[in-house]
N, C-alpha and C. Protein backbone atom coordinates (compact mmCIF):
# COMPACT_ATOMS: atom_id res chain seq x y z
N MET A 1 6.30 13.65 -8.95
CA MET A 1 5.28 14.69 -8.55
C MET A 1 5.89 15.89 -7.96
N SER A 2 7.07 15.77 -7.47
CA SER A 2 7.75 16.87 -6.80
C SER A 2 8.05 17.91 -7.81
N SER A 3 8.36 17.57 -9.08
CA SER A 3 8.59 18.62 -10.12
C SER A 3 7.30 19.35 -10.46
N VAL A 4 6.18 18.56 -10.49
CA VAL A 4 4.90 19.31 -10.77
C VAL A 4 4.62 20.24 -9.69
N TYR A 5 4.68 19.73 -8.43
CA TYR A 5 4.49 20.67 -7.27
C TYR A 5 5.31 21.95 -7.25
N ALA A 6 6.56 21.74 -7.57
CA ALA A 6 7.51 22.84 -7.59
C ALA A 6 7.07 23.87 -8.65
N LEU A 7 6.77 23.28 -9.78
CA LEU A 7 6.38 24.15 -10.95
C LEU A 7 5.12 24.94 -10.64
N LEU A 8 4.01 24.24 -10.21
CA LEU A 8 2.83 24.91 -9.98
C LEU A 8 2.77 25.84 -8.76
N GLU A 9 3.62 25.46 -7.81
CA GLU A 9 3.71 26.37 -6.58
C GLU A 9 4.29 27.76 -6.91
N GLU A 10 5.18 27.84 -7.83
CA GLU A 10 5.87 29.10 -8.31
C GLU A 10 5.10 29.69 -9.41
N PHE A 11 4.59 28.84 -10.32
CA PHE A 11 3.85 29.34 -11.52
C PHE A 11 2.47 28.65 -11.56
N PRO A 12 1.59 29.05 -10.82
CA PRO A 12 0.19 28.39 -10.64
C PRO A 12 -0.80 28.59 -11.77
N GLY A 13 -0.28 28.78 -13.05
CA GLY A 13 -1.20 29.01 -14.13
C GLY A 13 -0.44 29.07 -15.45
N ALA A 14 -1.18 28.91 -16.50
CA ALA A 14 -0.62 28.90 -17.86
C ALA A 14 0.11 30.33 -18.11
N LYS A 15 -0.60 31.39 -17.73
CA LYS A 15 -0.12 32.77 -17.91
C LYS A 15 1.26 32.96 -17.24
N GLN A 16 1.33 32.46 -15.93
CA GLN A 16 2.59 32.70 -15.24
C GLN A 16 3.73 31.85 -15.85
N ILE A 17 3.38 30.62 -16.34
CA ILE A 17 4.43 29.76 -16.89
C ILE A 17 4.81 30.38 -18.29
N ALA A 18 3.86 30.88 -19.06
CA ALA A 18 4.24 31.50 -20.42
C ALA A 18 5.11 32.69 -20.27
N GLU A 19 4.89 33.50 -19.15
CA GLU A 19 5.76 34.69 -18.99
C GLU A 19 6.98 34.36 -18.08
N SER A 20 7.23 33.24 -17.79
CA SER A 20 8.42 32.87 -16.96
C SER A 20 9.76 33.00 -17.65
N ASN A 21 10.84 33.27 -16.99
CA ASN A 21 12.06 33.40 -17.50
C ASN A 21 12.61 31.90 -17.74
N LEU A 22 13.04 31.69 -18.92
CA LEU A 22 13.39 30.25 -19.32
C LEU A 22 14.51 29.72 -18.40
N THR A 23 15.49 30.57 -18.07
CA THR A 23 16.60 30.11 -17.15
C THR A 23 16.05 29.70 -15.84
N ARG A 24 15.14 30.59 -15.27
CA ARG A 24 14.56 30.30 -13.96
C ARG A 24 13.72 28.97 -13.99
N LEU A 25 12.99 28.79 -15.11
CA LEU A 25 12.13 27.61 -15.24
C LEU A 25 13.02 26.36 -15.36
N LYS A 26 14.14 26.49 -16.08
CA LYS A 26 15.02 25.34 -16.29
C LYS A 26 15.62 24.95 -14.96
N PHE A 27 16.15 25.88 -14.23
CA PHE A 27 16.76 25.47 -12.94
C PHE A 27 15.72 25.00 -11.94
N LEU A 28 14.47 25.49 -11.95
CA LEU A 28 13.45 25.08 -11.06
C LEU A 28 13.18 23.60 -11.34
N LEU A 29 13.00 23.21 -12.60
CA LEU A 29 12.73 21.89 -12.91
C LEU A 29 13.87 20.95 -12.63
N ALA A 30 15.06 21.40 -12.94
CA ALA A 30 16.23 20.57 -12.77
C ALA A 30 16.47 20.28 -11.34
N GLY A 31 16.19 21.24 -10.41
CA GLY A 31 16.46 21.16 -9.06
C GLY A 31 15.33 20.17 -8.42
N ALA A 32 14.09 20.41 -8.86
CA ALA A 32 12.94 19.60 -8.30
C ALA A 32 13.05 18.08 -8.79
N SER A 33 13.61 17.91 -10.01
CA SER A 33 13.62 16.48 -10.60
C SER A 33 15.01 15.90 -10.36
N LYS A 34 15.89 16.55 -9.61
CA LYS A 34 17.21 16.08 -9.35
C LYS A 34 17.94 15.89 -10.68
N GLY A 35 17.82 16.77 -11.56
CA GLY A 35 18.59 16.68 -12.89
C GLY A 35 17.93 15.95 -13.96
N ARG A 36 16.74 15.29 -13.69
CA ARG A 36 16.12 14.58 -14.73
C ARG A 36 15.55 15.44 -15.79
N TYR A 37 14.99 16.63 -15.51
CA TYR A 37 14.41 17.49 -16.53
C TYR A 37 15.32 18.68 -16.66
N GLY A 38 15.56 19.17 -17.94
CA GLY A 38 16.44 20.26 -18.22
C GLY A 38 15.84 21.24 -19.11
N ARG A 39 16.64 21.89 -20.01
CA ARG A 39 16.20 22.98 -20.81
C ARG A 39 15.14 22.59 -21.75
N ASP A 40 15.27 21.31 -22.37
CA ASP A 40 14.23 20.96 -23.40
C ASP A 40 12.88 20.84 -22.75
N VAL A 41 12.81 20.23 -21.64
CA VAL A 41 11.46 20.17 -20.92
C VAL A 41 10.91 21.55 -20.58
N ALA A 42 11.84 22.41 -20.14
CA ALA A 42 11.39 23.68 -19.77
C ALA A 42 10.79 24.47 -20.95
N VAL A 43 11.52 24.31 -22.08
CA VAL A 43 10.98 25.01 -23.34
C VAL A 43 9.68 24.46 -23.73
N ALA A 44 9.58 23.11 -23.74
CA ALA A 44 8.32 22.48 -24.08
C ALA A 44 7.14 22.89 -23.24
N ILE A 45 7.36 23.01 -21.91
CA ILE A 45 6.29 23.41 -20.96
C ILE A 45 5.92 24.86 -21.23
N ARG A 46 6.90 25.70 -21.42
CA ARG A 46 6.57 27.14 -21.67
C ARG A 46 5.89 27.32 -22.92
N ASP A 47 6.26 26.60 -24.01
CA ASP A 47 5.58 26.68 -25.32
C ASP A 47 4.14 26.16 -25.17
N ALA A 48 3.96 25.11 -24.45
CA ALA A 48 2.58 24.62 -24.21
C ALA A 48 1.72 25.61 -23.51
N ALA A 49 2.33 26.24 -22.52
CA ALA A 49 1.61 27.28 -21.78
C ALA A 49 1.26 28.48 -22.66
N ARG A 50 2.12 28.86 -23.51
CA ARG A 50 1.85 30.03 -24.40
C ARG A 50 0.81 29.69 -25.48
N ALA A 51 0.65 28.32 -25.72
CA ALA A 51 -0.46 27.95 -26.68
C ALA A 51 -1.76 27.64 -26.03
N SER A 52 -1.66 27.78 -24.67
CA SER A 52 -2.94 27.41 -23.92
C SER A 52 -3.98 28.40 -24.16
N ILE A 53 -5.32 27.94 -24.15
CA ILE A 53 -6.42 28.77 -24.34
C ILE A 53 -7.20 28.89 -23.05
N GLY A 54 -6.58 28.42 -21.96
CA GLY A 54 -7.26 28.44 -20.68
C GLY A 54 -7.45 29.95 -20.16
N SER A 55 -8.53 30.12 -19.30
CA SER A 55 -8.73 31.43 -18.79
C SER A 55 -7.90 31.71 -17.55
N ILE A 56 -7.65 32.98 -17.36
CA ILE A 56 -6.84 33.42 -16.08
C ILE A 56 -7.79 33.57 -14.96
N MET A 57 -7.53 32.76 -13.88
CA MET A 57 -8.28 32.78 -12.79
C MET A 57 -7.48 32.86 -11.54
N PRO A 58 -7.24 33.98 -10.94
CA PRO A 58 -6.39 34.36 -9.85
C PRO A 58 -6.81 33.56 -8.59
N ALA A 59 -8.13 33.43 -8.39
CA ALA A 59 -8.61 32.68 -7.18
C ALA A 59 -8.22 31.21 -7.31
N LYS A 60 -8.27 30.64 -8.47
CA LYS A 60 -7.86 29.19 -8.63
C LYS A 60 -6.31 29.05 -8.54
N SER A 61 -5.63 30.03 -8.95
CA SER A 61 -4.19 29.89 -8.72
C SER A 61 -3.84 29.98 -7.26
N LEU A 62 -4.50 30.82 -6.45
CA LEU A 62 -4.28 30.89 -5.01
C LEU A 62 -4.62 29.58 -4.40
N GLU A 63 -5.78 29.08 -4.79
CA GLU A 63 -6.21 27.79 -4.24
C GLU A 63 -5.19 26.65 -4.60
N LEU A 64 -4.71 26.66 -5.74
CA LEU A 64 -3.69 25.64 -6.10
C LEU A 64 -2.44 25.78 -5.26
N ARG A 65 -2.01 26.97 -5.03
CA ARG A 65 -0.80 27.18 -4.20
C ARG A 65 -1.06 26.64 -2.78
N HIS A 66 -2.25 26.93 -2.20
CA HIS A 66 -2.49 26.45 -0.91
C HIS A 66 -2.69 24.96 -0.81
N THR A 67 -3.26 24.37 -1.82
CA THR A 67 -3.40 22.87 -2.00
C THR A 67 -2.07 22.22 -2.02
N ILE A 68 -1.19 22.72 -2.76
CA ILE A 68 0.17 22.13 -2.86
C ILE A 68 0.88 22.14 -1.52
N ARG A 69 0.75 23.32 -0.87
CA ARG A 69 1.47 23.45 0.48
C ARG A 69 0.89 22.46 1.43
N LEU A 70 -0.49 22.25 1.46
CA LEU A 70 -1.10 21.29 2.29
C LEU A 70 -0.72 19.89 2.04
N ILE A 71 -0.50 19.50 0.77
CA ILE A 71 0.03 18.20 0.31
C ILE A 71 1.47 18.08 0.90
N ARG A 72 2.30 19.08 0.73
CA ARG A 72 3.63 19.05 1.23
C ARG A 72 3.64 18.77 2.80
N GLU A 73 2.76 19.40 3.46
CA GLU A 73 2.64 19.26 4.96
C GLU A 73 2.24 17.84 5.32
N LEU A 74 1.23 17.39 4.55
CA LEU A 74 0.73 15.98 4.78
C LEU A 74 1.85 14.94 4.51
N ASP A 75 2.52 15.21 3.41
CA ASP A 75 3.69 14.21 2.98
C ASP A 75 4.70 14.28 4.14
N ALA A 76 5.05 15.43 4.74
CA ALA A 76 5.97 15.53 5.82
C ALA A 76 5.49 14.73 7.02
N GLU A 77 4.22 14.87 7.31
CA GLU A 77 3.67 14.14 8.45
C GLU A 77 3.67 12.70 8.26
N ILE A 78 3.32 12.22 7.07
CA ILE A 78 3.33 10.78 6.70
C ILE A 78 4.75 10.31 6.86
N ALA A 79 5.74 11.00 6.37
CA ALA A 79 7.11 10.59 6.48
C ALA A 79 7.51 10.47 7.82
N ASP A 80 7.14 11.38 8.71
CA ASP A 80 7.49 11.31 10.17
C ASP A 80 6.85 10.16 10.95
N ILE A 81 5.55 9.81 10.49
CA ILE A 81 4.91 8.62 11.09
C ILE A 81 5.56 7.42 10.65
N GLU A 82 5.91 7.21 9.32
CA GLU A 82 6.49 6.06 8.80
C GLU A 82 7.93 5.90 9.48
N SER A 83 8.57 6.92 9.75
CA SER A 83 9.89 6.83 10.43
C SER A 83 9.77 6.24 11.81
N SER A 84 8.65 6.78 12.53
CA SER A 84 8.48 6.16 13.87
C SER A 84 7.92 4.77 13.82
N ILE A 85 7.24 4.37 12.81
CA ILE A 85 6.73 2.98 12.66
C ILE A 85 8.08 2.07 12.41
N ARG A 86 8.86 2.61 11.55
CA ARG A 86 10.10 1.85 11.27
C ARG A 86 10.98 1.67 12.52
N SER A 87 11.06 2.64 13.33
CA SER A 87 11.84 2.48 14.63
C SER A 87 11.20 1.50 15.50
N VAL A 88 9.91 1.52 15.71
CA VAL A 88 9.30 0.52 16.49
C VAL A 88 9.34 -0.86 15.95
N MET A 89 9.31 -1.02 14.65
CA MET A 89 9.49 -2.32 14.06
C MET A 89 10.88 -2.87 14.28
N GLU A 90 11.88 -2.01 14.24
CA GLU A 90 13.20 -2.42 14.49
C GLU A 90 13.42 -2.83 15.90
N GLU A 91 12.68 -2.25 16.85
CA GLU A 91 12.85 -2.62 18.23
C GLU A 91 12.04 -3.92 18.43
N LEU A 92 11.03 -4.12 17.71
CA LEU A 92 10.27 -5.38 18.05
C LEU A 92 11.00 -6.59 17.33
N ARG A 93 11.68 -6.39 16.35
CA ARG A 93 12.51 -7.48 15.68
C ARG A 93 11.58 -8.63 15.31
N SER A 94 10.41 -8.32 14.89
CA SER A 94 9.45 -9.36 14.51
C SER A 94 9.93 -10.17 13.30
N PRO A 95 9.86 -11.54 13.42
CA PRO A 95 10.35 -12.41 12.32
C PRO A 95 9.47 -12.30 11.07
N ILE A 96 8.23 -11.74 11.10
CA ILE A 96 7.34 -11.69 9.97
C ILE A 96 7.95 -10.79 8.89
N THR A 97 8.80 -9.88 9.28
CA THR A 97 9.46 -9.02 8.32
C THR A 97 10.33 -9.65 7.37
N THR A 98 10.69 -10.93 7.74
CA THR A 98 11.54 -11.76 6.83
C THR A 98 10.80 -12.48 5.67
N ILE A 99 9.49 -12.34 5.82
CA ILE A 99 8.54 -12.95 4.76
C ILE A 99 8.72 -12.12 3.48
N PRO A 100 9.08 -12.69 2.40
CA PRO A 100 9.20 -11.96 1.04
C PRO A 100 7.88 -11.27 0.75
N GLY A 101 7.91 -9.98 0.45
CA GLY A 101 6.66 -9.27 0.13
C GLY A 101 5.88 -8.67 1.33
N MET A 102 6.39 -8.95 2.53
CA MET A 102 5.70 -8.36 3.77
C MET A 102 6.20 -7.02 3.99
N GLY A 103 5.57 -6.05 3.57
CA GLY A 103 5.88 -4.59 3.69
C GLY A 103 5.90 -4.15 5.10
N LEU A 104 6.62 -3.01 5.36
CA LEU A 104 6.63 -2.45 6.68
C LEU A 104 5.28 -1.98 7.13
N ARG A 105 4.46 -1.36 6.28
CA ARG A 105 3.22 -0.86 6.75
C ARG A 105 2.23 -1.96 7.05
N MET A 106 2.15 -2.94 6.30
CA MET A 106 1.20 -4.13 6.53
C MET A 106 1.74 -4.91 7.74
N GLY A 107 3.04 -5.10 7.81
CA GLY A 107 3.54 -5.92 8.88
C GLY A 107 3.27 -5.18 10.21
N ALA A 108 3.43 -3.87 10.26
CA ALA A 108 3.23 -3.09 11.38
C ALA A 108 1.69 -3.10 11.80
N MET A 109 0.82 -3.04 10.80
CA MET A 109 -0.58 -3.01 11.06
C MET A 109 -1.03 -4.41 11.58
N ILE A 110 -0.48 -5.47 11.09
CA ILE A 110 -0.92 -6.80 11.60
C ILE A 110 -0.46 -6.94 13.04
N LEU A 111 0.76 -6.56 13.26
CA LEU A 111 1.27 -6.67 14.74
C LEU A 111 0.45 -5.77 15.68
N ALA A 112 0.17 -4.57 15.27
CA ALA A 112 -0.60 -3.69 16.10
C ALA A 112 -1.99 -4.16 16.30
N GLU A 113 -2.59 -4.65 15.33
CA GLU A 113 -4.05 -5.23 15.54
C GLU A 113 -4.06 -6.50 16.26
N VAL A 114 -3.06 -7.46 16.18
CA VAL A 114 -3.14 -8.62 16.89
C VAL A 114 -2.64 -8.49 18.32
N GLY A 115 -1.52 -7.58 18.43
CA GLY A 115 -0.98 -7.40 19.75
C GLY A 115 -0.20 -8.54 20.18
N ASP A 116 -0.47 -9.06 21.45
CA ASP A 116 0.25 -10.24 21.93
C ASP A 116 -0.41 -11.59 21.36
N PHE A 117 0.43 -12.20 20.68
CA PHE A 117 -0.05 -13.49 19.96
C PHE A 117 -0.31 -14.54 21.00
N SER A 118 0.23 -14.44 22.24
CA SER A 118 -0.08 -15.46 23.24
C SER A 118 -1.57 -15.38 23.70
N ARG A 119 -2.26 -14.34 23.38
CA ARG A 119 -3.70 -14.26 23.69
C ARG A 119 -4.52 -15.29 22.90
N PHE A 120 -3.91 -15.81 21.83
CA PHE A 120 -4.64 -16.72 20.99
C PHE A 120 -4.07 -18.07 21.03
N ASP A 121 -5.02 -19.10 21.31
CA ASP A 121 -4.62 -20.49 21.42
C ASP A 121 -4.20 -21.16 20.19
N SER A 122 -4.67 -20.59 19.09
CA SER A 122 -4.37 -21.18 17.73
C SER A 122 -4.46 -20.17 16.62
N PRO A 123 -3.99 -20.46 15.41
CA PRO A 123 -4.06 -19.54 14.36
C PRO A 123 -5.50 -19.37 13.91
N ASP A 124 -6.42 -20.36 14.14
CA ASP A 124 -7.75 -20.27 13.80
C ASP A 124 -8.45 -19.20 14.71
N LYS A 125 -7.98 -18.92 15.90
CA LYS A 125 -8.52 -17.88 16.68
C LYS A 125 -8.01 -16.48 16.15
N VAL A 126 -6.92 -16.42 15.56
CA VAL A 126 -6.42 -15.19 14.92
C VAL A 126 -7.29 -14.89 13.74
N LEU A 127 -7.60 -16.00 12.96
CA LEU A 127 -8.40 -15.94 11.69
C LEU A 127 -9.84 -15.47 12.05
N ALA A 128 -10.30 -15.93 13.27
CA ALA A 128 -11.68 -15.49 13.61
C ALA A 128 -11.62 -14.07 14.01
N TYR A 129 -10.60 -13.65 14.67
CA TYR A 129 -10.47 -12.29 15.16
C TYR A 129 -10.35 -11.26 13.92
N ALA A 130 -9.76 -11.78 12.91
CA ALA A 130 -9.68 -10.97 11.71
C ALA A 130 -10.91 -11.05 10.78
N GLY A 131 -11.85 -11.96 11.15
CA GLY A 131 -13.04 -12.14 10.36
C GLY A 131 -12.77 -12.90 9.09
N LEU A 132 -11.78 -13.81 9.06
CA LEU A 132 -11.38 -14.56 7.96
C LEU A 132 -11.86 -16.05 8.07
N SER A 133 -12.45 -16.48 9.14
CA SER A 133 -12.88 -17.81 9.24
C SER A 133 -14.21 -17.92 8.61
N PRO A 134 -14.41 -18.95 7.77
CA PRO A 134 -15.60 -19.13 6.92
C PRO A 134 -16.84 -19.57 7.81
N SER A 135 -18.01 -19.05 7.44
CA SER A 135 -19.20 -19.58 8.15
C SER A 135 -19.96 -20.39 7.08
N ILE A 136 -20.67 -21.48 7.48
CA ILE A 136 -21.26 -22.40 6.46
C ILE A 136 -22.80 -22.14 6.49
N TYR A 137 -23.30 -21.92 5.28
CA TYR A 137 -24.75 -21.67 5.15
C TYR A 137 -25.38 -22.96 4.52
N GLN A 138 -26.54 -23.28 4.94
CA GLN A 138 -27.26 -24.42 4.31
C GLN A 138 -28.57 -23.81 3.68
N SER A 139 -28.93 -24.54 2.54
CA SER A 139 -30.09 -24.09 1.82
C SER A 139 -31.14 -25.12 1.92
N GLY A 140 -32.31 -24.83 2.58
CA GLY A 140 -33.43 -25.68 2.73
C GLY A 140 -33.08 -27.06 3.35
N GLN A 141 -33.37 -28.17 2.71
CA GLN A 141 -33.08 -29.48 3.18
C GLN A 141 -31.72 -29.96 2.66
N LEU A 142 -31.02 -29.10 1.86
CA LEU A 142 -29.82 -29.59 1.27
C LEU A 142 -28.74 -29.52 2.34
N ASN A 143 -27.86 -30.45 2.30
CA ASN A 143 -26.76 -30.59 3.26
C ASN A 143 -25.54 -29.89 2.69
N ASN A 144 -25.41 -29.69 1.46
CA ASN A 144 -24.26 -29.03 0.95
C ASN A 144 -24.23 -27.52 1.38
N GLY A 145 -23.09 -27.04 1.70
CA GLY A 145 -22.97 -25.67 2.10
C GLY A 145 -21.92 -24.97 1.29
N TYR A 146 -21.73 -23.71 1.43
CA TYR A 146 -20.65 -22.97 0.69
C TYR A 146 -20.01 -22.13 1.74
N ALA A 147 -18.69 -21.75 1.50
CA ALA A 147 -18.04 -20.94 2.41
C ALA A 147 -18.37 -19.48 2.14
N HIS A 148 -18.58 -18.74 3.14
CA HIS A 148 -18.87 -17.32 3.04
C HIS A 148 -18.05 -16.64 4.19
N MET A 149 -17.24 -15.62 3.69
CA MET A 149 -16.38 -14.95 4.72
C MET A 149 -17.19 -14.14 5.70
N GLU A 150 -16.90 -14.24 7.00
CA GLU A 150 -17.56 -13.45 7.92
C GLU A 150 -17.20 -11.93 7.82
N LYS A 151 -18.14 -11.07 8.16
CA LYS A 151 -17.89 -9.70 8.15
C LYS A 151 -17.58 -9.15 9.60
N ARG A 152 -17.35 -9.99 10.56
CA ARG A 152 -17.04 -9.64 11.89
C ARG A 152 -15.53 -9.53 12.05
N GLY A 153 -15.02 -9.14 13.21
CA GLY A 153 -13.62 -9.08 13.52
C GLY A 153 -13.00 -7.71 13.14
N SER A 154 -11.73 -7.61 13.18
CA SER A 154 -11.04 -6.41 12.95
C SER A 154 -10.97 -6.22 11.44
N ARG A 155 -11.58 -5.12 10.94
CA ARG A 155 -11.50 -4.83 9.52
C ARG A 155 -10.09 -4.33 9.10
N TYR A 156 -9.43 -3.67 10.02
CA TYR A 156 -8.09 -3.19 9.83
C TYR A 156 -7.11 -4.43 9.66
N LEU A 157 -7.26 -5.39 10.61
CA LEU A 157 -6.43 -6.57 10.48
C LEU A 157 -6.74 -7.33 9.23
N ARG A 158 -8.03 -7.42 8.78
CA ARG A 158 -8.40 -8.12 7.61
C ARG A 158 -7.84 -7.41 6.42
N PHE A 159 -7.87 -6.13 6.38
CA PHE A 159 -7.30 -5.31 5.20
C PHE A 159 -5.82 -5.58 5.17
N ALA A 160 -5.14 -5.57 6.33
CA ALA A 160 -3.66 -5.73 6.25
C ALA A 160 -3.26 -7.12 5.79
N ILE A 161 -4.00 -8.14 6.23
CA ILE A 161 -3.63 -9.45 5.92
C ILE A 161 -3.87 -9.69 4.37
N TYR A 162 -5.00 -9.22 3.89
CA TYR A 162 -5.34 -9.42 2.45
C TYR A 162 -4.29 -8.69 1.56
N ASN A 163 -3.96 -7.48 2.00
CA ASN A 163 -2.96 -6.64 1.21
C ASN A 163 -1.61 -7.33 1.26
N ALA A 164 -1.20 -7.81 2.38
CA ALA A 164 0.06 -8.49 2.60
C ALA A 164 0.09 -9.79 1.70
N ALA A 165 -0.95 -10.48 1.77
CA ALA A 165 -1.08 -11.80 1.00
C ALA A 165 -0.82 -11.50 -0.55
N LYS A 166 -1.39 -10.40 -1.01
CA LYS A 166 -1.24 -10.05 -2.45
C LYS A 166 0.26 -10.00 -2.87
N TYR A 167 0.99 -9.27 -1.96
CA TYR A 167 2.37 -9.02 -2.35
C TYR A 167 3.27 -10.31 -1.97
N VAL A 168 2.89 -11.00 -0.94
CA VAL A 168 3.66 -12.25 -0.58
C VAL A 168 3.44 -13.23 -1.72
N CYS A 169 2.29 -13.28 -2.35
CA CYS A 169 2.05 -14.19 -3.41
C CYS A 169 2.73 -13.84 -4.67
N ILE A 170 3.20 -12.60 -4.77
CA ILE A 170 4.08 -12.19 -5.85
C ILE A 170 5.50 -12.53 -5.65
N TRP A 171 5.96 -12.23 -4.45
CA TRP A 171 7.42 -12.28 -4.19
C TRP A 171 7.91 -13.57 -3.61
N ASP A 172 7.00 -14.38 -3.04
CA ASP A 172 7.45 -15.67 -2.44
C ASP A 172 7.03 -16.81 -3.35
N PRO A 173 7.97 -17.63 -3.85
CA PRO A 173 7.48 -18.83 -4.79
C PRO A 173 6.55 -19.72 -4.19
N THR A 174 6.67 -19.99 -2.92
CA THR A 174 5.76 -20.96 -2.30
C THR A 174 4.35 -20.45 -2.27
N PHE A 175 4.10 -19.23 -1.89
CA PHE A 175 2.83 -18.68 -1.91
C PHE A 175 2.35 -18.39 -3.34
N ALA A 176 3.17 -18.07 -4.18
CA ALA A 176 2.81 -17.90 -5.66
C ALA A 176 2.28 -19.21 -6.14
N ALA A 177 2.97 -20.34 -5.89
CA ALA A 177 2.60 -21.68 -6.35
C ALA A 177 1.25 -22.14 -5.69
N TYR A 178 1.07 -21.71 -4.36
CA TYR A 178 -0.25 -22.03 -3.65
C TYR A 178 -1.35 -21.25 -4.31
N LEU A 179 -1.11 -20.04 -4.68
CA LEU A 179 -2.22 -19.26 -5.31
C LEU A 179 -2.51 -19.82 -6.65
N ALA A 180 -1.52 -20.10 -7.45
CA ALA A 180 -1.72 -20.71 -8.74
C ALA A 180 -2.49 -22.01 -8.66
N LYS A 181 -2.23 -22.80 -7.60
CA LYS A 181 -2.88 -24.10 -7.43
C LYS A 181 -4.38 -23.87 -7.23
N LYS A 182 -4.69 -22.84 -6.42
CA LYS A 182 -6.06 -22.67 -6.05
C LYS A 182 -6.80 -22.03 -7.35
N ARG A 183 -6.11 -21.26 -8.10
CA ARG A 183 -6.67 -20.76 -9.29
C ARG A 183 -6.95 -21.86 -10.39
N ALA A 184 -6.03 -22.84 -10.36
CA ALA A 184 -6.09 -23.96 -11.35
C ALA A 184 -7.34 -24.88 -10.91
N GLU A 185 -7.74 -24.82 -9.64
CA GLU A 185 -8.85 -25.57 -9.15
C GLU A 185 -10.21 -24.92 -9.62
N GLY A 186 -10.10 -23.79 -10.21
CA GLY A 186 -11.24 -23.12 -10.74
C GLY A 186 -11.82 -21.99 -9.88
N LYS A 187 -10.98 -21.68 -8.77
CA LYS A 187 -11.53 -20.65 -7.80
C LYS A 187 -11.23 -19.24 -8.39
N HIS A 188 -12.09 -18.39 -8.10
CA HIS A 188 -11.95 -17.01 -8.39
C HIS A 188 -10.78 -16.37 -7.72
N TYR A 189 -10.09 -15.38 -8.33
CA TYR A 189 -8.92 -14.86 -7.78
C TYR A 189 -9.10 -14.41 -6.35
N ASN A 190 -10.21 -13.72 -5.97
CA ASN A 190 -10.38 -13.29 -4.65
C ASN A 190 -10.61 -14.54 -3.62
N VAL A 191 -11.21 -15.51 -4.16
CA VAL A 191 -11.34 -16.70 -3.28
C VAL A 191 -10.03 -17.40 -3.15
N ALA A 192 -9.29 -17.49 -4.16
CA ALA A 192 -7.84 -18.11 -4.02
C ALA A 192 -7.06 -17.29 -3.15
N LEU A 193 -7.16 -15.94 -3.28
CA LEU A 193 -6.34 -15.08 -2.38
C LEU A 193 -6.76 -15.24 -0.95
N SER A 194 -8.10 -15.50 -0.65
CA SER A 194 -8.43 -15.66 0.72
C SER A 194 -7.81 -16.94 1.33
N HIS A 195 -7.68 -17.86 0.48
CA HIS A 195 -6.96 -19.11 0.94
C HIS A 195 -5.53 -18.76 1.28
N ALA A 196 -4.92 -18.02 0.50
CA ALA A 196 -3.52 -17.60 0.71
C ALA A 196 -3.38 -16.78 1.92
N ALA A 197 -4.40 -15.82 2.16
CA ALA A 197 -4.36 -15.02 3.32
C ALA A 197 -4.44 -15.85 4.59
N LYS A 198 -5.35 -16.87 4.58
CA LYS A 198 -5.38 -17.82 5.72
C LYS A 198 -4.03 -18.57 6.01
N LYS A 199 -3.43 -18.99 4.84
CA LYS A 199 -2.15 -19.60 5.02
C LYS A 199 -1.12 -18.72 5.52
N LEU A 200 -1.18 -17.51 5.14
CA LEU A 200 -0.29 -16.40 5.76
C LEU A 200 -0.50 -16.27 7.13
N VAL A 201 -1.78 -16.25 7.62
CA VAL A 201 -1.98 -16.00 9.07
C VAL A 201 -1.40 -17.21 9.86
N ARG A 202 -1.54 -18.40 9.30
CA ARG A 202 -0.96 -19.63 10.11
C ARG A 202 0.46 -19.50 10.04
N LEU A 203 1.09 -18.99 9.02
CA LEU A 203 2.56 -18.84 8.99
C LEU A 203 3.01 -17.80 9.98
N ILE A 204 2.28 -16.63 10.00
CA ILE A 204 2.68 -15.57 10.87
C ILE A 204 2.56 -16.02 12.36
N TYR A 205 1.44 -16.73 12.65
CA TYR A 205 1.27 -17.20 14.00
C TYR A 205 2.40 -18.11 14.44
N ALA A 206 2.83 -19.05 13.57
CA ALA A 206 3.86 -20.02 13.89
C ALA A 206 5.20 -19.19 14.05
N MET A 207 5.50 -18.23 13.23
CA MET A 207 6.66 -17.43 13.36
C MET A 207 6.69 -16.65 14.67
N GLU A 208 5.64 -16.04 14.98
CA GLU A 208 5.58 -15.14 16.23
C GLU A 208 5.77 -16.08 17.43
N LYS A 209 5.27 -17.28 17.35
CA LYS A 209 5.36 -18.16 18.55
C LYS A 209 6.85 -18.78 18.52
N SER A 210 7.39 -19.03 17.40
CA SER A 210 8.75 -19.65 17.49
C SER A 210 9.94 -18.56 17.45
N ARG A 211 9.57 -17.32 16.99
CA ARG A 211 10.48 -16.19 16.81
C ARG A 211 11.62 -16.55 15.90
N LEU A 212 11.30 -17.50 14.95
CA LEU A 212 12.29 -17.88 13.88
C LEU A 212 11.97 -17.16 12.65
N PRO A 213 13.00 -16.87 11.88
CA PRO A 213 12.82 -16.21 10.61
C PRO A 213 12.12 -17.14 9.51
N TYR A 214 11.66 -16.51 8.51
CA TYR A 214 10.88 -17.23 7.46
C TYR A 214 11.77 -18.32 6.68
N ARG A 215 11.21 -19.50 6.58
CA ARG A 215 11.78 -20.49 5.66
C ARG A 215 10.70 -20.98 4.76
N PRO A 216 10.99 -20.97 3.47
CA PRO A 216 9.94 -21.46 2.47
C PRO A 216 9.53 -22.87 2.83
N VAL A 217 8.12 -23.10 2.68
CA VAL A 217 7.55 -24.48 2.96
C VAL A 217 6.91 -24.96 1.67
N THR A 218 6.73 -26.19 1.63
CA THR A 218 5.96 -26.73 0.45
C THR A 218 4.59 -26.32 0.36
N ALA A 219 4.13 -25.95 -0.80
CA ALA A 219 2.67 -25.47 -0.88
C ALA A 219 1.81 -26.70 -0.69
N THR A 220 0.72 -26.39 0.05
CA THR A 220 -0.30 -27.50 0.23
C THR A 220 -1.66 -27.03 -0.15
């Protein structure tokens, strides 16, 4: 996207691109793409602009330039925040970062939302706090119930756990096998993933208590 932003920031319309100097266009693309795009791409873009039937709208060109600058500013702020998060995570030295697929963002969000794990007597308390503990409904005089995920608890923690579980189930063989097992039992993907998310919470709880790095366990 950096190549697109650089191109449209300097030439915010088909007319400007069509009238651009080929050498300037080539160096602009080469610099923004770190050498990936060269003269051939520059020629193709300029030819496409010259064949364009779009109308000339100076106001839209101005708006486009301002939008790109705003995107760049936001990207810089995001990078700054992520750098700060990385520094905090390095100081915390949390063992959950050793779980395959546990990204920096989701790991940081989980730790931030849970806070001190000693506040919780068991992983089930963490599940309840995240709104991941099932509630059982009964229908009439029937005794059979079905699991329904609660909508209470921290939605941010729930979001982080679910998203982390998706990637952990991809990168960790134990969790991948566990998810496959639940799917083989006929469970919908989201239901199977919710089971994996609960398993992940129990793992995180145990790791934060023991402060030991991740070790693959047998799927159950």
